[in-house]
Protein backbone atom coordinates (compact mmCIF):
# COMPACT_ATOMS: atom_id res chain seq x y z
CA MET A 1 0.78 34.97 -28.35
CA PHE A 2 -2.42 33.68 -26.69
CA HIS A 3 -0.72 30.40 -25.84
CA GLN A 4 2.30 32.18 -24.35
CA ILE A 5 0.17 34.46 -22.19
CA THR A 6 -2.02 31.56 -21.05
CA THR A 7 1.04 29.50 -20.20
CA ILE A 8 2.49 32.29 -18.05
CA LEU A 9 -0.81 32.78 -16.24
CA LEU A 10 -1.26 29.04 -15.62
CA MET A 11 2.31 28.27 -14.52
CA PRO A 12 1.46 28.53 -10.79
CA VAL A 13 -1.03 25.70 -11.38
CA LEU A 14 0.75 23.71 -14.11
CA ILE A 15 4.05 23.21 -12.29
CA PRO A 16 2.54 21.84 -9.02
CA GLN A 17 0.24 19.56 -11.03
CA ALA A 18 3.16 18.25 -13.11
CA LEU A 19 5.24 17.61 -9.98
CA PHE A 20 2.33 15.83 -8.31
CA ILE A 21 1.73 13.61 -11.34
CA ASN A 22 5.42 12.76 -11.55
CA LYS A 23 5.34 11.69 -7.91
CA MET A 24 2.04 9.78 -7.96
CA THR A 25 1.95 8.10 -11.38
CA LEU A 26 2.68 4.38 -11.35
CA SER A 27 6.26 3.79 -12.51
CA LEU A 28 6.41 0.83 -14.88
CA PRO A 29 9.59 -1.19 -15.40
CA GLU A 30 11.44 -1.32 -18.68
CA PRO A 31 10.63 -4.47 -20.68
CA THR A 32 13.04 -7.36 -20.50
CA GLY A 33 14.78 -8.73 -23.57
CA ASP A 34 17.49 -7.88 -26.08
CA ARG A 35 17.86 -4.41 -27.53
CA LEU A 36 19.47 -5.58 -30.75
CA GLY A 37 19.26 -8.65 -32.92
CA VAL A 38 18.80 -10.22 -36.33
CA CYS A 39 15.63 -11.90 -37.57
CA GLY A 40 13.93 -12.98 -40.78
CA SER A 41 15.36 -13.77 -44.18
CA GLY A 42 15.92 -11.99 -47.46
CA ASN A 43 17.80 -8.82 -48.31
CA GLU A 44 19.45 -7.18 -45.30
CA LEU A 45 17.63 -4.27 -43.69
CA LYS A 46 19.40 -2.27 -41.01
CA LEU A 47 16.88 -0.72 -38.63
CA LEU A 48 17.39 1.70 -35.73
CA ILE A 49 14.62 2.59 -33.29
CA ILE A 50 15.40 5.61 -31.14
CA GLY A 51 13.61 7.70 -28.57
CA ASP A 52 11.82 7.70 -25.27
CA SER A 53 10.08 5.17 -23.01
CA ALA A 54 7.50 4.42 -25.72
CA ALA A 55 10.28 3.53 -28.16
CA LEU A 56 11.77 1.45 -25.34
CA GLY A 57 8.51 -0.44 -24.89
CA VAL A 58 7.49 0.61 -21.39
CA GLY A 59 3.98 -0.69 -20.78
CA VAL A 60 4.65 -4.33 -21.71
CA ASP A 61 6.71 -7.01 -19.98
CA GLY A 62 9.08 -8.05 -22.78
CA GLN A 63 10.60 -6.62 -25.94
CA GLU A 64 8.78 -9.21 -28.04
CA ASP A 65 5.53 -7.32 -27.29
CA ALA A 66 7.07 -3.85 -27.56
CA LEU A 67 7.56 -1.70 -30.64
CA ALA A 68 11.03 -3.03 -31.50
CA GLY A 69 10.08 -6.68 -31.15
CA GLN A 70 6.83 -6.44 -33.08
CA LEU A 71 8.24 -4.24 -35.84
CA SER A 72 11.36 -6.36 -36.43
CA SER A 73 9.19 -9.50 -36.49
CA LEU A 74 6.86 -8.01 -39.10
CA LEU A 75 9.72 -6.81 -41.28
CA GLY A 76 11.36 -10.22 -40.89
CA ASN A 77 8.65 -11.62 -43.15
CA HIS A 78 10.32 -9.80 -46.05
CA TYR A 79 13.89 -8.98 -45.00
CA SER A 80 16.81 -10.11 -42.91
CA VAL A 81 16.41 -7.42 -40.26
CA ASN A 82 19.47 -6.28 -38.34
CA TRP A 83 17.86 -4.08 -35.70
CA LYS A 84 19.01 -1.94 -32.79
CA LEU A 85 17.08 -0.11 -30.06
CA LEU A 86 18.48 3.09 -28.59
CA ALA A 87 16.04 4.57 -26.10
CA LYS A 88 15.60 5.48 -22.46
CA THR A 89 12.81 6.42 -20.11
CA GLY A 90 12.32 10.17 -19.78
CA ALA A 91 14.36 11.01 -22.87
CA THR A 92 13.82 14.39 -24.49
CA ALA A 93 14.97 15.41 -27.96
CA VAL A 94 18.30 16.67 -26.62
CA ASP A 95 18.83 13.36 -24.79
CA VAL A 96 18.29 11.39 -28.00
CA LEU A 97 20.64 13.73 -29.82
CA ASP A 98 23.29 13.05 -27.17
CA MET A 99 22.78 9.29 -27.56
CA LEU A 100 23.24 9.53 -31.31
CA GLN A 101 26.35 11.64 -31.00
CA ASN A 102 27.84 9.02 -28.65
CA LEU A 103 26.83 6.06 -30.84
CA GLN A 104 29.54 4.57 -33.00
CA GLU A 105 29.15 5.46 -36.66
CA GLU A 106 27.42 2.81 -38.79
CA PRO A 107 24.95 2.88 -41.69
CA PHE A 108 21.21 2.31 -41.21
CA ASP A 109 18.57 1.92 -43.89
CA ILE A 110 15.62 2.94 -41.73
CA VAL A 111 15.27 4.88 -38.48
CA LEU A 112 12.05 5.10 -36.48
CA VAL A 113 11.90 8.00 -34.01
CA SER A 114 9.62 8.42 -30.99
CA ILE A 115 10.29 11.67 -29.17
CA GLY A 116 8.45 14.74 -27.90
CA VAL A 117 6.16 13.68 -25.05
CA ASN A 118 8.85 14.32 -22.44
CA ASP A 119 9.63 17.64 -24.05
CA VAL A 120 6.00 18.55 -23.43
CA THR A 121 6.00 17.36 -19.82
CA HIS A 122 9.42 18.96 -19.16
CA PHE A 123 8.27 22.33 -20.56
CA THR A 124 10.87 22.38 -23.36
CA HIS A 125 10.54 25.55 -25.44
CA SER A 126 9.22 24.71 -28.91
CA GLY A 127 12.02 26.67 -30.60
CA ARG A 128 14.65 24.65 -28.77
CA TRP A 129 12.83 21.41 -29.56
CA GLY A 130 12.66 22.29 -33.24
CA LYS A 131 16.37 23.10 -33.32
CA ASN A 132 17.23 19.79 -31.63
CA MET A 133 15.05 17.86 -34.08
CA ASN A 134 16.73 19.53 -37.05
CA VAL A 135 20.17 18.67 -35.70
CA MET A 136 19.04 15.11 -34.94
CA ILE A 137 17.87 14.55 -38.51
CA ASN A 138 21.08 16.00 -39.91
CA VAL A 139 23.13 13.69 -37.68
CA LEU A 140 21.12 10.66 -38.82
CA VAL A 141 21.69 11.54 -42.48
CA SER A 142 25.34 12.61 -42.28
CA LYS A 143 26.73 10.24 -39.65
CA PHE A 144 24.56 7.17 -40.21
CA SER A 145 23.72 7.48 -43.93
CA VAL A 146 20.05 6.84 -43.20
CA LYS A 147 17.87 6.33 -46.26
CA LYS A 148 14.50 6.87 -44.57
CA ILE A 149 13.52 8.44 -41.24
CA LEU A 150 10.03 7.83 -39.83
CA LEU A 151 9.00 10.22 -37.07
CA SER A 152 5.99 9.32 -34.94
CA ASN A 153 3.76 12.28 -34.13
CA LEU A 154 2.97 12.99 -30.50
CA PRO A 155 -0.30 11.50 -29.23
CA PRO A 156 -3.30 13.74 -28.46
CA MET A 157 -2.21 14.40 -24.89
CA GLN A 158 -5.39 16.29 -24.06
CA GLU A 159 -7.18 12.92 -24.13
CA PHE A 160 -5.24 11.39 -21.23
CA THR A 161 -8.25 11.64 -18.92
CA THR A 162 -6.48 10.21 -15.87
CA PHE A 163 -4.58 13.50 -15.56
CA PRO A 164 -6.04 16.74 -14.19
CA GLN A 165 -7.06 19.98 -15.87
CA PRO A 166 -5.72 22.47 -16.81
CA LEU A 167 -2.46 20.53 -17.21
CA ARG A 168 -4.07 18.03 -19.56
CA TRP A 169 -5.39 20.85 -21.77
CA TRP A 170 -1.98 22.51 -21.80
CA TRP A 171 -0.29 19.19 -22.69
CA GLY A 172 -2.71 18.86 -25.59
CA GLU A 173 -1.98 22.34 -26.89
CA ARG A 174 1.75 21.74 -26.63
CA SER A 175 1.57 18.36 -28.37
CA LYS A 176 -0.41 19.94 -31.24
CA ARG A 177 2.18 22.71 -31.47
CA LEU A 178 5.11 20.29 -31.64
CA ASN A 179 3.33 18.13 -34.23
CA SER A 180 2.77 21.19 -36.43
CA LEU A 181 6.42 22.13 -36.05
CA LEU A 182 7.48 18.57 -36.86
CA THR A 183 5.49 18.64 -40.09
CA VAL A 184 7.35 21.80 -41.13
CA ILE A 185 10.71 20.27 -40.24
CA VAL A 186 9.97 17.04 -42.11
CA GLY A 187 9.10 19.06 -45.20
CA ASN A 188 12.72 20.23 -45.35
CA PHE A 189 14.17 16.70 -45.59
CA SER A 190 13.43 14.33 -48.47
CA GLN A 191 14.41 11.38 -46.26
CA CYS A 192 11.71 12.09 -43.65
CA THR A 193 8.08 11.14 -43.09
CA ASN A 194 5.95 11.79 -40.01
CA PHE A 195 2.73 9.98 -39.15
CA ASP A 196 -0.01 9.66 -36.54
CA ILE A 197 -0.40 6.39 -34.66
CA ASP A 198 -3.90 5.03 -35.28
CA ALA A 199 -4.51 4.06 -31.67
CA SER A 200 -7.02 6.20 -29.81
CA ILE A 201 -6.73 7.07 -26.13
CA GLU A 202 -8.99 4.33 -24.79
CA PRO A 203 -8.38 1.54 -22.25
CA LYS A 204 -7.30 -1.24 -24.62
CA TYR A 205 -4.54 0.94 -26.06
CA ILE A 206 -3.20 2.23 -22.74
CA ALA A 207 -0.96 0.48 -20.19
CA LYS A 208 -1.94 0.25 -16.54
CA ASP A 209 -0.16 3.51 -15.68
CA GLY A 210 -2.71 5.37 -17.82
CA PHE A 211 0.01 6.85 -20.00
CA HIS A 212 2.16 4.38 -21.95
CA PRO A 213 1.04 2.22 -24.89
CA SER A 214 -0.32 -1.28 -24.35
CA LYS A 215 0.68 -4.38 -26.32
CA ILE A 216 -2.23 -3.71 -28.71
CA ALA A 217 -1.12 -0.10 -29.25
CA TYR A 218 2.43 -1.24 -29.97
CA GLN A 219 0.99 -3.72 -32.46
CA VAL A 220 -0.90 -0.95 -34.28
CA TRP A 221 2.19 1.26 -34.26
CA ALA A 222 4.43 -1.53 -35.57
CA ASN A 223 1.97 -2.42 -38.33
CA GLN A 224 1.80 1.19 -39.54
CA ALA A 225 5.57 1.55 -39.48
CA ALA A 226 6.13 -1.78 -41.24
CA LYS A 227 3.74 -0.88 -44.06
CA THR A 228 5.43 2.49 -44.55
CA ILE A 229 8.90 0.96 -44.49
CA THR A 230 8.00 -1.82 -46.94
CA SER A 231 6.36 0.66 -49.31
CA THR A 232 9.36 2.99 -49.07
CA LEU A 233 11.84 0.23 -49.82
CA ASP A 234 9.74 -0.99 -52.76
CA ASP A 235 9.82 2.53 -54.20
CA MET A 236 13.57 2.78 -53.65
CA ASN A 237 14.22 -0.64 -55.21
CA PRO A 238 11.70 -1.07 -58.06
């Protein structure tokens, strides 16, 4: 209730600040490179990476330095990785759901999801976001026969110090709220795991726009995901 009342009271300030940031923040290009491929050797692993501009790799020049490139390369040390990237800048949970519903049916072993930041910045109601995430997970399981779904938690948005208060505080509260909701949702699906990215909000982990991950942050993210995926597959195939 406190959060709802505070949000209503702050809206005359939050909306102009959000519009100003959207206009003034440096717009980085999408990284060059393929958005699907095969690498490595060993047993086949079908990997799908879906989500927003972070999933897409905005913040680095090429896909080899982005999440998809680094993760597929790491997994290629153990598997023949058949990977696909389905992401777009500005995507919200409903946008990703639309992309999945329009994607041709095929099986995937692992899906890595990055979504939620744009739902915060676009003022998506948490109830609607939760509903979209539930539907998304059900689509992944029923349509794509996914064995394991890894969902990246939202970053601590209150720590993006290049952005003004009170918007930054409100972003932080919203990101915490969506992460708590995500943990509840994940608990309802045996195929799902959510995790924090162990990259703090400091210069070496942030791209030059002050918002997106850097190459080092993508490396940390990819390493965490690769370890979780490898451990999961070892447990599934003893």
